[in-house]
């Protein structure tokens, strides 16, 4: 299996660090997206927990779900 030997080559590579103003603008633009992802992850986790709690009772017939009229 091929592998790379770096021997400090990575330390010699130039690294661009943007100005503080650019970093702040990026953070301000991304903050709503990060919050949305966090909220949806929380909601998904809650739904998984609810599903895992209800599914065995639904499959066994211990609880039933009544379908609304017109529901497919």
PDB file of N, CA and C in Angstrom:
ATOM      1  N   UNK A   1       0.851  -1.168   0.000  1.00  0.00           N
ATOM      2  CA  UNK A   1       0.000   0.000   0.000  1.00  0.00           C
ATOM      3  C   UNK A   1       0.904   1.241   0.000  1.00  0.00           C
ATOM      4  N   UNK A   2       0.669   2.167  -0.939  1.00  0.00           N
ATOM      5  CA  UNK A   2       1.519   3.362  -1.001  1.00  0.00           C
ATOM      6  C   UNK A   2       1.256   4.283   0.189  1.00  0.00           C
ATOM      7  N   UNK A   3       2.270   5.022   0.545  1.00  0.00           N
ATOM      8  CA  UNK A   3       2.134   5.995   1.626  1.00  0.00           C
ATOM      9  C   UNK A   3       3.049   7.175   1.328  1.00  0.00           C
ATOM     10  N   UNK A   4       2.764   8.278   1.985  1.00  0.00           N
ATOM     11  CA  UNK A   4       3.555   9.490   1.765  1.00  0.00           C
ATOM     12  C   UNK A   4       4.456   9.741   2.961  1.00  0.00           C
ATOM     13  N   UNK A   5       5.638  10.217   2.671  1.00  0.00           N
ATOM     14  CA  UNK A   5       6.559  10.631   3.729  1.00  0.00           C
ATOM     15  C   UNK A   5       6.649  12.152   3.643  1.00  0.00           C
ATOM     16  N   UNK A   6       6.171  12.825   4.660  1.00  0.00           N
ATOM     17  CA  UNK A   6       6.109  14.275   4.626  1.00  0.00           C
ATOM     18  C   UNK A   6       7.412  14.922   5.064  1.00  0.00           C
ATOM     19  N   UNK A   7       8.047  14.415   6.063  1.00  0.00           N
ATOM     20  CA  UNK A   7       9.322  14.948   6.564  1.00  0.00           C
ATOM     21  C   UNK A   7       9.333  16.472   6.675  1.00  0.00           C
ATOM     22  N   UNK A   8       8.303  17.031   7.277  1.00  0.00           N
ATOM     23  CA  UNK A   8       8.264  18.473   7.513  1.00  0.00           C
ATOM     24  C   UNK A   8       7.792  19.298   6.336  1.00  0.00           C
ATOM     25  N   UNK A   9       7.443  18.676   5.211  1.00  0.00           N
ATOM     26  CA  UNK A   9       7.018  19.431   4.031  1.00  0.00           C
ATOM     27  C   UNK A   9       5.752  20.231   4.309  1.00  0.00           C
ATOM     28  N   UNK A  10       4.875  19.689   5.117  1.00  0.00           N
ATOM     29  CA  UNK A  10       3.632  20.393   5.421  1.00  0.00           C
ATOM     30  C   UNK A  10       3.910  21.676   6.203  1.00  0.00           C
ATOM     31  N   UNK A  11       4.880  21.644   7.076  1.00  0.00           N
ATOM     32  CA  UNK A  11       5.219  22.828   7.872  1.00  0.00           C
ATOM     33  C   UNK A  11       5.771  23.950   6.999  1.00  0.00           C
ATOM     34  N   UNK A  12       6.309  23.619   5.848  1.00  0.00           N
ATOM     35  CA  UNK A  12       6.898  24.625   4.967  1.00  0.00           C
ATOM     36  C   UNK A  12       5.889  25.233   4.002  1.00  0.00           C
ATOM     37  N   UNK A  13       4.689  24.670   3.924  1.00  0.00           N
ATOM     38  CA  UNK A  13       3.688  25.186   2.990  1.00  0.00           C
ATOM     39  C   UNK A  13       3.135  26.516   3.495  1.00  0.00           C
ATOM     40  N   UNK A  14       2.952  27.486   2.578  1.00  0.00           N
ATOM     41  CA  UNK A  14       2.391  28.774   2.994  1.00  0.00           C
ATOM     42  C   UNK A  14       0.920  28.611   3.388  1.00  0.00           C
ATOM     43  N   UNK A  15       0.503  29.362   4.373  1.00  0.00           N
ATOM     44  CA  UNK A  15      -0.863  29.300   4.872  1.00  0.00           C
ATOM     45  C   UNK A  15      -1.470  30.690   4.807  1.00  0.00           C
ATOM     46  N   UNK A  16      -2.596  30.804   4.121  1.00  0.00           N
ATOM     47  CA  UNK A  16      -3.278  32.090   4.005  1.00  0.00           C
ATOM     48  C   UNK A  16      -4.224  32.254   5.187  1.00  0.00           C
ATOM     49  N   UNK A  17      -4.080  33.332   5.919  1.00  0.00           N
ATOM     50  CA  UNK A  17      -4.984  33.667   7.015  1.00  0.00           C
ATOM     51  C   UNK A  17      -5.678  34.965   6.629  1.00  0.00           C
ATOM     52  N   UNK A  18      -7.002  34.912   6.441  1.00  0.00           N
ATOM     53  CA  UNK A  18      -7.716  36.113   5.997  1.00  0.00           C
ATOM     54  C   UNK A  18      -7.738  37.181   7.088  1.00  0.00           C
ATOM     55  N   UNK A  19      -8.002  38.418   6.679  1.00  0.00           N
ATOM     56  CA  UNK A  19      -8.105  39.508   7.658  1.00  0.00           C
ATOM     57  C   UNK A  19      -9.257  39.245   8.640  1.00  0.00           C
ATOM     58  N   UNK A  20      -9.147  39.812   9.822  1.00  0.00           N
ATOM     59  CA  UNK A  20     -10.161  39.624  10.872  1.00  0.00           C
ATOM     60  C   UNK A  20     -11.550  40.036  10.381  1.00  0.00           C
ATOM     61  N   UNK A  21     -11.630  41.106   9.612  1.00  0.00           N
ATOM     62  CA  UNK A  21     -12.915  41.577   9.085  1.00  0.00           C
ATOM     63  C   UNK A  21     -13.560  40.515   8.196  1.00  0.00           C
ATOM     64  N   UNK A  22     -12.785  39.848   7.385  1.00  0.00           N
ATOM     65  CA  UNK A  22     -13.300  38.790   6.514  1.00  0.00           C
ATOM     66  C   UNK A  22     -13.794  37.608   7.337  1.00  0.00           C
ATOM     67  N   UNK A  23     -13.068  37.263   8.370  1.00  0.00           N
ATOM     68  CA  UNK A  23     -13.477  36.159   9.243  1.00  0.00           C
ATOM     69  C   UNK A  23     -14.802  36.496   9.920  1.00  0.00           C
ATOM     70  N   UNK A  24     -14.944  37.715  10.408  1.00  0.00           N
ATOM     71  CA  UNK A  24     -16.181  38.134  11.070  1.00  0.00           C
ATOM     72  C   UNK A  24     -17.357  38.127  10.099  1.00  0.00           C
ATOM     73  N   UNK A  25     -17.144  38.623   8.877  1.00  0.00           N
ATOM     74  CA  UNK A  25     -18.223  38.609   7.879  1.00  0.00           C
ATOM     75  C   UNK A  25     -18.641  37.181   7.570  1.00  0.00           C
ATOM     76  N   UNK A  26     -17.665  36.287   7.429  1.00  0.00           N
ATOM     77  CA  UNK A  26     -17.958  34.879   7.159  1.00  0.00           C
ATOM     78  C   UNK A  26     -18.777  34.278   8.299  1.00  0.00           C
ATOM     79  N   UNK A  27     -18.355  34.537   9.536  1.00  0.00           N
ATOM     80  CA  UNK A  27     -19.082  34.008  10.690  1.00  0.00           C
ATOM     81  C   UNK A  27     -20.505  34.553  10.746  1.00  0.00           C
ATOM     82  N   UNK A  28     -20.677  35.838  10.449  1.00  0.00           N
ATOM     83  CA  UNK A  28     -22.014  36.441  10.456  1.00  0.00           C
ATOM     84  C   UNK A  28     -22.909  35.844   9.377  1.00  0.00           C
ATOM     85  N   UNK A  29     -22.343  35.548   8.219  1.00  0.00           N
ATOM     86  CA  UNK A  29     -23.120  34.955   7.134  1.00  0.00           C
ATOM     87  C   UNK A  29     -23.489  33.504   7.439  1.00  0.00           C
ATOM     88  N   UNK A  30     -22.587  32.790   8.075  1.00  0.00           N
ATOM     89  CA  UNK A  30     -22.794  31.360   8.325  1.00  0.00           C
ATOM     90  C   UNK A  30     -23.591  31.070   9.590  1.00  0.00           C
ATOM     91  N   UNK A  31     -23.636  32.006  10.521  1.00  0.00           N
ATOM     92  CA  UNK A  31     -24.297  31.762  11.809  1.00  0.00           C
ATOM     93  C   UNK A  31     -25.741  31.281  11.658  1.00  0.00           C
ATOM     94  N   UNK A  32     -26.572  31.902  10.799  1.00  0.00           N
ATOM     95  CA  UNK A  32     -27.945  31.403  10.663  1.00  0.00           C
ATOM     96  C   UNK A  32     -27.999  29.967  10.127  1.00  0.00           C
ATOM     97  N   UNK A  33     -27.097  29.626   9.228  1.00  0.00           N
ATOM     98  CA  UNK A  33     -27.077  28.266   8.691  1.00  0.00           C
ATOM     99  C   UNK A  33     -26.656  27.258   9.752  1.00  0.00           C
ATOM    100  N   UNK A  34     -25.667  27.622  10.537  1.00  0.00           N
ATOM    101  CA  UNK A  34     -25.207  26.735  11.608  1.00  0.00           C
ATOM    102  C   UNK A  34     -26.328  26.530  12.620  1.00  0.00           C
ATOM    103  N   UNK A  35     -27.046  27.594  12.950  1.00  0.00           N
ATOM    104  CA  UNK A  35     -28.159  27.490  13.894  1.00  0.00           C
ATOM    105  C   UNK A  35     -29.266  26.601  13.327  1.00  0.00           C
ATOM    106  N   UNK A  36     -29.556  26.749  12.044  1.00  0.00           N
ATOM    107  CA  UNK A  36     -30.575  25.916  11.406  1.00  0.00           C
ATOM    108  C   UNK A  36     -30.187  24.444  11.450  1.00  0.00           C
ATOM    109  N   UNK A  37     -28.952  24.139  11.129  1.00  0.00           N
ATOM    110  CA  UNK A  37     -28.476  22.752  11.173  1.00  0.00           C
ATOM    111  C   UNK A  37     -28.566  22.210  12.593  1.00  0.00           C
ATOM    112  N   UNK A  38     -28.161  23.012  13.568  1.00  0.00           N
ATOM    113  CA  UNK A  38     -28.220  22.582  14.972  1.00  0.00           C
ATOM    114  C   UNK A  38     -29.659  22.288  15.394  1.00  0.00           C
ATOM    115  N   UNK A  39     -30.586  23.183  15.029  1.00  0.00           N
ATOM    116  CA  UNK A  39     -31.989  22.994  15.390  1.00  0.00           C
ATOM    117  C   UNK A  39     -32.575  21.755  14.718  1.00  0.00           C
ATOM    118  N   UNK A  40     -32.236  21.537  13.458  1.00  0.00           N
ATOM    119  CA  UNK A  40     -32.765  20.370  12.754  1.00  0.00           C
ATOM    120  C   UNK A  40     -32.162  19.076  13.282  1.00  0.00           C
ATOM    121  N   UNK A  41     -30.919  19.114  13.689  1.00  0.00           N
ATOM    122  CA  UNK A  41     -30.309  17.937  14.306  1.00  0.00           C
ATOM    123  C   UNK A  41     -31.006  17.604  15.623  1.00  0.00           C
ATOM    124  N   UNK A  42     -31.303  18.623  16.421  1.00  0.00           N
ATOM    125  CA  UNK A  42     -32.021  18.419  17.677  1.00  0.00           C
ATOM    126  C   UNK A  42     -33.399  17.821  17.406  1.00  0.00           C
ATOM    127  N   UNK A  43     -34.120  18.372  16.419  1.00  0.00           N
ATOM    128  CA  UNK A  43     -35.445  17.868  16.077  1.00  0.00           C
ATOM    129  C   UNK A  43     -35.364  16.433  15.574  1.00  0.00           C
ATOM    130  N   UNK A  44     -34.387  16.133  14.760  1.00  0.00           N
ATOM    131  CA  UNK A  44     -34.218  14.780  14.237  1.00  0.00           C
ATOM    132  C   UNK A  44     -33.957  13.786  15.361  1.00  0.00           C
ATOM    133  N   UNK A  45     -33.136  14.179  16.323  1.00  0.00           N
ATOM    134  CA  UNK A  45     -32.840  13.308  17.459  1.00  0.00           C
ATOM    135  C   UNK A  45     -34.095  13.045  18.277  1.00  0.00           C
ATOM    136  N   UNK A  46     -34.897  14.084  18.505  1.00  0.00           N
ATOM    137  CA  UNK A  46     -36.145  13.910  19.255  1.00  0.00           C
ATOM    138  C   UNK A  46     -37.103  12.986  18.501  1.00  0.00           C
ATOM    139  N   UNK A  47     -37.197  13.152  17.182  1.00  0.00           N
ATOM    140  CA  UNK A  47     -38.078  12.298  16.386  1.00  0.00           C
ATOM    141  C   UNK A  47     -37.603  10.849  16.383  1.00  0.00           C
ATOM    142  N   UNK A  48     -36.308  10.624  16.334  1.00  0.00           N
ATOM    143  CA  UNK A  48     -35.774   9.258  16.397  1.00  0.00           C
ATOM    144  C   UNK A  48     -36.126   8.606  17.725  1.00  0.00           C
ATOM    145  N   UNK A  49     -36.002   9.358  18.806  1.00  0.00           N
ATOM    146  CA  UNK A  49     -36.333   8.832  20.128  1.00  0.00           C
ATOM    147  C   UNK A  49     -37.811   8.474  20.204  1.00  0.00           C
ATOM    148  N   UNK A  50     -38.660   9.344  19.693  1.00  0.00           N
ATOM    149  CA  UNK A  50     -40.099   9.093  19.683  1.00  0.00           C
ATOM    150  C   UNK A  50     -40.437   7.875  18.828  1.00  0.00           C
ATOM    151  N   UNK A  51     -39.825   7.782  17.656  1.00  0.00           N
ATOM    152  CA  UNK A  51     -40.040   6.623  16.784  1.00  0.00           C
ATOM    153  C   UNK A  51     -39.629   5.334  17.477  1.00  0.00           C
ATOM    154  N   UNK A  52     -38.459   5.327  18.076  1.00  0.00           N
ATOM    155  CA  UNK A  52     -37.958   4.124  18.739  1.00  0.00           C
ATOM    156  C   UNK A  52     -38.843   3.716  19.909  1.00  0.00           C
ATOM    157  N   UNK A  53     -39.462   4.695  20.568  1.00  0.00           N
ATOM    158  CA  UNK A  53     -40.343   4.385  21.694  1.00  0.00           C
ATOM    159  C   UNK A  53     -41.693   3.848  21.224  1.00  0.00           C
ATOM    160  N   UNK A  54     -42.210   4.378  20.110  1.00  0.00           N
ATOM    161  CA  UNK A  54     -43.553   4.007  19.653  1.00  0.00           C
ATOM    162  C   UNK A  54     -43.587   2.797  18.728  1.00  0.00           C
ATOM    163  N   UNK A  55     -42.561   2.582  17.954  1.00  0.00           N
ATOM    164  CA  UNK A  55     -42.590   1.541  16.929  1.00  0.00           C
ATOM    165  C   UNK A  55     -42.898   0.147  17.464  1.00  0.00           C
ATOM    166  N   UNK A  56     -42.281  -0.308  18.540  1.00  0.00           N
ATOM    167  CA  UNK A  56     -42.614  -1.655  19.023  1.00  0.00           C
ATOM    168  C   UNK A  56     -44.095  -1.812  19.382  1.00  0.00           C
ATOM    169  N   UNK A  57     -44.688  -0.791  19.997  1.00  0.00           N
ATOM    170  CA  UNK A  57     -46.107  -0.863  20.357  1.00  0.00           C
ATOM    171  C   UNK A  57     -47.000  -0.812  19.119  1.00  0.00           C
ATOM    172  N   UNK A  58     -46.599  -0.055  18.103  1.00  0.00           N
ATOM    173  CA  UNK A  58     -47.377  -0.016  16.859  1.00  0.00           C
ATOM    174  C   UNK A  58     -47.328  -1.361  16.142  1.00  0.00           C
ATOM    175  N   UNK A  59     -46.152  -1.947  16.054  1.00  0.00           N
ATOM    176  CA  UNK A  59     -45.986  -3.222  15.354  1.00  0.00           C
ATOM    177  C   UNK A  59     -46.723  -4.339  16.082  1.00  0.00           C
ATOM    178  N   UNK A  60     -46.693  -4.321  17.410  1.00  0.00           N
ATOM    179  CA  UNK A  60     -47.350  -5.379  18.186  1.00  0.00           C
ATOM    180  C   UNK A  60     -48.858  -5.197  18.246  1.00  0.00           C
ATOM    181  N   UNK A  61     -49.353  -4.026  17.878  1.00  0.00           N
ATOM    182  CA  UNK A  61     -50.789  -3.782  17.922  1.00  0.00           C
ATOM    183  C   UNK A  61     -51.274  -3.256  19.260  1.00  0.00           C
ATOM    184  N   UNK A  62     -50.384  -3.010  20.198  1.00  0.00           N
ATOM    185  CA  UNK A  62     -50.788  -2.482  21.509  1.00  0.00           C
ATOM    186  C   UNK A  62     -51.345  -1.067  21.410  1.00  0.00           C
ATOM    187  N   UNK A  63     -50.887  -0.309  20.416  1.00  0.00           N
ATOM    188  CA  UNK A  63     -51.483   0.998  20.140  1.00  0.00           C
ATOM    189  C   UNK A  63     -51.818   1.062  18.660  1.00  0.00           C
ATOM    190  N   UNK A  64     -52.836   1.847  18.352  1.00  0.00           N
ATOM    191  CA  UNK A  64     -53.285   1.976  16.967  1.00  0.00           C
ATOM    192  C   UNK A  64     -53.352   3.447  16.599  1.00  0.00           C
ATOM    193  N   UNK A  65     -53.222   3.705  15.323  1.00  0.00           N
ATOM    194  CA  UNK A  65     -53.328   5.061  14.797  1.00  0.00           C
ATOM    195  C   UNK A  65     -54.539   5.097  13.892  1.00  0.00           C
ATOM    196  N   UNK A  66     -55.452   6.007  14.183  1.00  0.00           N
ATOM    197  CA  UNK A  66     -56.639   6.155  13.353  1.00  0.00           C
ATOM    198  C   UNK A  66     -56.317   7.100  12.203  1.00  0.00           C
ATOM    199  N   UNK A  67     -56.644   6.682  10.995  1.00  0.00           N
ATOM    200  CA  UNK A  67     -56.377   7.505   9.813  1.00  0.00           C
ATOM    201  C   UNK A  67     -57.467   8.554   9.665  1.00  0.00           C
ATOM    202  N   UNK A  68     -57.069   9.764   9.288  1.00  0.00           N
ATOM    203  CA  UNK A  68     -58.034  10.823   9.022  1.00  0.00           C
ATOM    204  C   UNK A  68     -58.684  10.584   7.672  1.00  0.00           C
ATOM    205  N   UNK A  69     -59.854  11.164   7.477  1.00  0.00           N
ATOM    206  CA  UNK A  69     -60.518  11.057   6.181  1.00  0.00           C
ATOM    207  C   UNK A  69     -59.670  11.726   5.119  1.00  0.00           C
ATOM    208  N   UNK A  70     -59.527  11.084   3.992  1.00  0.00           N
ATOM    209  CA  UNK A  70     -58.761  11.637   2.890  1.00  0.00           C
ATOM    210  C   UNK A  70     -57.271  11.395   2.997  1.00  0.00           C
ATOM    211  N   UNK A  71     -56.815  10.814   4.095  1.00  0.00           N
ATOM    212  CA  UNK A  71     -55.387  10.522   4.233  1.00  0.00           C
ATOM    213  C   UNK A  71     -55.051   9.286   3.423  1.00  0.00           C
ATOM    214  N   UNK A  72     -53.913   9.313   2.772  1.00  0.00           N
ATOM    215  CA  UNK A  72     -53.524   8.164   1.950  1.00  0.00           C
ATOM    216  C   UNK A  72     -52.641   7.226   2.726  1.00  0.00           C
TER     217      UNK A  72
END
